[in-house]
């Protein structure tokens, strides 16, 4: 199980994703999935809804909210691989939040 990330200038559609791709993160998939798997959908904010087996999209407003959640996860994280994955996620969430019309695509296995 792993989650790869891509930031797009608009909502990506299968088959035409390269036209909107701005940045991607593909190195931390397994660690990111493990870090997010501990979240409870019923008690968590946005990140609890990331599907580790499918696609999840955040727009720039959702990315801003999720950044606050990542900060808390990083403070509590003791696994260095998961911490690196969360910090990478935070960088992409920050970029997405600062780019009107953009989306962050969580691509689960």
C-alpha atoms as a PDB file:
ATOM      1  CA  UNK A   1       0.000   0.000   0.000  1.00  0.00           C
ATOM      2  CA  UNK A   2       1.299   3.445  -0.885  1.00  0.00           C
ATOM      3  CA  UNK A   3       0.128   6.956  -1.670  1.00  0.00           C
ATOM      4  CA  UNK A   4       1.777   9.078  -4.341  1.00  0.00           C
ATOM      5  CA  UNK A   5       1.090  12.799  -4.651  1.00  0.00           C
ATOM      6  CA  UNK A   6       0.686  15.155  -7.581  1.00  0.00           C
ATOM      7  CA  UNK A   7      -0.174  18.841  -7.592  1.00  0.00           C
ATOM      8  CA  UNK A   8      -2.102  20.048 -10.632  1.00  0.00           C
ATOM      9  CA  UNK A   9      -3.074  23.489 -11.910  1.00  0.00           C
ATOM     10  CA  UNK A  10      -6.676  22.264 -12.237  1.00  0.00           C
ATOM     11  CA  UNK A  11      -8.633  19.139 -11.351  1.00  0.00           C
ATOM     12  CA  UNK A  12      -6.818  16.315 -13.164  1.00  0.00           C
ATOM     13  CA  UNK A  13      -8.726  13.977 -15.456  1.00  0.00           C
ATOM     14  CA  UNK A  14      -7.463  10.528 -16.366  1.00  0.00           C
ATOM     15  CA  UNK A  15      -5.682  10.585 -19.680  1.00  0.00           C
ATOM     16  CA  UNK A  16      -4.799  14.289 -19.621  1.00  0.00           C
ATOM     17  CA  UNK A  17      -2.899  14.705 -16.374  1.00  0.00           C
ATOM     18  CA  UNK A  18       0.453  15.765 -17.833  1.00  0.00           C
ATOM     19  CA  UNK A  19      -1.049  19.014 -19.146  1.00  0.00           C
ATOM     20  CA  UNK A  20      -1.924  20.179 -15.622  1.00  0.00           C
ATOM     21  CA  UNK A  21       0.895  18.580 -13.590  1.00  0.00           C
ATOM     22  CA  UNK A  22       2.923  21.109 -11.587  1.00  0.00           C
ATOM     23  CA  UNK A  23       4.773  18.935  -9.046  1.00  0.00           C
ATOM     24  CA  UNK A  24       4.850  15.367  -7.879  1.00  0.00           C
ATOM     25  CA  UNK A  25       6.057  13.269  -4.981  1.00  0.00           C
ATOM     26  CA  UNK A  26       6.646   9.570  -5.554  1.00  0.00           C
ATOM     27  CA  UNK A  27       9.379   8.618  -3.064  1.00  0.00           C
ATOM     28  CA  UNK A  28       7.417   8.309   0.184  1.00  0.00           C
ATOM     29  CA  UNK A  29       4.324   6.332  -0.816  1.00  0.00           C
ATOM     30  CA  UNK A  30       4.485   3.513   1.723  1.00  0.00           C
ATOM     31  CA  UNK A  31       5.561   5.731   4.628  1.00  0.00           C
ATOM     32  CA  UNK A  32       2.858   8.278   3.842  1.00  0.00           C
ATOM     33  CA  UNK A  33       0.185   5.579   3.702  1.00  0.00           C
ATOM     34  CA  UNK A  34       1.313   4.253   7.094  1.00  0.00           C
ATOM     35  CA  UNK A  35       1.351   7.740   8.632  1.00  0.00           C
ATOM     36  CA  UNK A  36      -2.173   8.492   7.412  1.00  0.00           C
ATOM     37  CA  UNK A  37      -3.586   5.047   8.165  1.00  0.00           C
ATOM     38  CA  UNK A  38      -3.593   5.802  11.896  1.00  0.00           C
ATOM     39  CA  UNK A  39      -6.156   8.567  11.412  1.00  0.00           C
ATOM     40  CA  UNK A  40      -9.793   7.930  12.285  1.00  0.00           C
ATOM     41  CA  UNK A  41     -12.242   9.189   9.661  1.00  0.00           C
ATOM     42  CA  UNK A  42     -14.782  10.010  12.340  1.00  0.00           C
ATOM     43  CA  UNK A  43     -12.397  12.095  14.442  1.00  0.00           C
ATOM     44  CA  UNK A  44      -9.952  13.455  11.907  1.00  0.00           C
ATOM     45  CA  UNK A  45     -10.250  16.411   9.594  1.00  0.00           C
ATOM     46  CA  UNK A  46      -9.432  16.214   5.908  1.00  0.00           C
ATOM     47  CA  UNK A  47      -6.507  13.787   6.049  1.00  0.00           C
ATOM     48  CA  UNK A  48      -8.645  11.074   7.611  1.00  0.00           C
ATOM     49  CA  UNK A  49     -10.596  10.933   4.349  1.00  0.00           C
ATOM     50  CA  UNK A  50      -7.590  10.144   2.142  1.00  0.00           C
ATOM     51  CA  UNK A  51      -8.281   6.767   0.511  1.00  0.00           C
ATOM     52  CA  UNK A  52      -5.098   4.637   0.557  1.00  0.00           C
ATOM     53  CA  UNK A  53      -6.584   2.389  -2.145  1.00  0.00           C
ATOM     54  CA  UNK A  54      -8.083   4.996  -4.474  1.00  0.00           C
ATOM     55  CA  UNK A  55      -7.936   8.618  -5.524  1.00  0.00           C
ATOM     56  CA  UNK A  56      -8.575  11.598  -3.264  1.00  0.00           C
ATOM     57  CA  UNK A  57      -8.453  15.243  -4.359  1.00  0.00           C
ATOM     58  CA  UNK A  58      -7.975  18.376  -2.254  1.00  0.00           C
ATOM     59  CA  UNK A  59      -8.523  21.854  -3.662  1.00  0.00           C
ATOM     60  CA  UNK A  60      -6.544  24.818  -2.347  1.00  0.00           C
ATOM     61  CA  UNK A  61      -8.955  25.508   0.526  1.00  0.00           C
ATOM     62  CA  UNK A  62      -8.874  21.888   1.690  1.00  0.00           C
ATOM     63  CA  UNK A  63      -5.089  21.881   1.383  1.00  0.00           C
ATOM     64  CA  UNK A  64      -4.859  24.837   3.760  1.00  0.00           C
ATOM     65  CA  UNK A  65      -6.981  23.038   6.369  1.00  0.00           C
ATOM     66  CA  UNK A  66      -4.962  19.819   5.976  1.00  0.00           C
ATOM     67  CA  UNK A  67      -1.683  21.683   6.624  1.00  0.00           C
ATOM     68  CA  UNK A  68      -2.735  22.244  10.224  1.00  0.00           C
ATOM     69  CA  UNK A  69      -3.375  18.515  10.594  1.00  0.00           C
ATOM     70  CA  UNK A  70       0.039  17.645   9.142  1.00  0.00           C
ATOM     71  CA  UNK A  71       1.779  19.928  11.634  1.00  0.00           C
ATOM     72  CA  UNK A  72       0.202  17.968  14.502  1.00  0.00           C
ATOM     73  CA  UNK A  73       1.112  14.621  12.918  1.00  0.00           C
ATOM     74  CA  UNK A  74       4.741  15.687  12.446  1.00  0.00           C
ATOM     75  CA  UNK A  75       5.019  16.710  16.113  1.00  0.00           C
ATOM     76  CA  UNK A  76       3.748  13.279  17.200  1.00  0.00           C
ATOM     77  CA  UNK A  77       5.709  11.219  14.668  1.00  0.00           C
ATOM     78  CA  UNK A  78       8.694   9.189  15.855  1.00  0.00           C
ATOM     79  CA  UNK A  79       9.325   7.233  12.621  1.00  0.00           C
ATOM     80  CA  UNK A  80      11.831   9.147  10.447  1.00  0.00           C
ATOM     81  CA  UNK A  81      10.489   7.783   7.139  1.00  0.00           C
ATOM     82  CA  UNK A  82       6.950   8.775   8.040  1.00  0.00           C
ATOM     83  CA  UNK A  83       8.175  12.166   9.237  1.00  0.00           C
ATOM     84  CA  UNK A  84       9.938  12.758   5.899  1.00  0.00           C
ATOM     85  CA  UNK A  85       6.758  11.741   4.058  1.00  0.00           C
ATOM     86  CA  UNK A  86       4.656  14.120   6.151  1.00  0.00           C
ATOM     87  CA  UNK A  87       7.080  17.001   5.603  1.00  0.00           C
ATOM     88  CA  UNK A  88       6.968  16.349   1.850  1.00  0.00           C
ATOM     89  CA  UNK A  89       3.169  16.299   2.019  1.00  0.00           C
ATOM     90  CA  UNK A  90       3.240  19.607   3.886  1.00  0.00           C
ATOM     91  CA  UNK A  91       5.346  21.224   1.149  1.00  0.00           C
ATOM     92  CA  UNK A  92       2.847  20.142  -1.501  1.00  0.00           C
ATOM     93  CA  UNK A  93      -0.127  21.218   0.607  1.00  0.00           C
ATOM     94  CA  UNK A  94       1.514  24.617   1.110  1.00  0.00           C
ATOM     95  CA  UNK A  95       2.097  25.021  -2.626  1.00  0.00           C
ATOM     96  CA  UNK A  96      -1.451  23.920  -3.407  1.00  0.00           C
ATOM     97  CA  UNK A  97      -2.944  26.297  -0.825  1.00  0.00           C
ATOM     98  CA  UNK A  98      -0.990  29.167  -2.394  1.00  0.00           C
ATOM     99  CA  UNK A  99      -2.072  28.357  -5.978  1.00  0.00           C
ATOM    100  CA  UNK A 100      -5.661  29.316  -6.825  1.00  0.00           C
ATOM    101  CA  UNK A 101      -7.506  26.648  -8.816  1.00  0.00           C
ATOM    102  CA  UNK A 102      -4.992  23.924  -8.006  1.00  0.00           C
ATOM    103  CA  UNK A 103      -5.591  20.416  -6.689  1.00  0.00           C
ATOM    104  CA  UNK A 104      -3.499  17.942  -4.765  1.00  0.00           C
ATOM    105  CA  UNK A 105      -4.123  14.399  -5.957  1.00  0.00           C
ATOM    106  CA  UNK A 106      -3.537  11.552  -3.504  1.00  0.00           C
ATOM    107  CA  UNK A 107      -3.091   8.431  -5.652  1.00  0.00           C
ATOM    108  CA  UNK A 108      -3.594   5.320  -3.560  1.00  0.00           C
ATOM    109  CA  UNK A 109      -2.691   1.767  -4.578  1.00  0.00           C
END
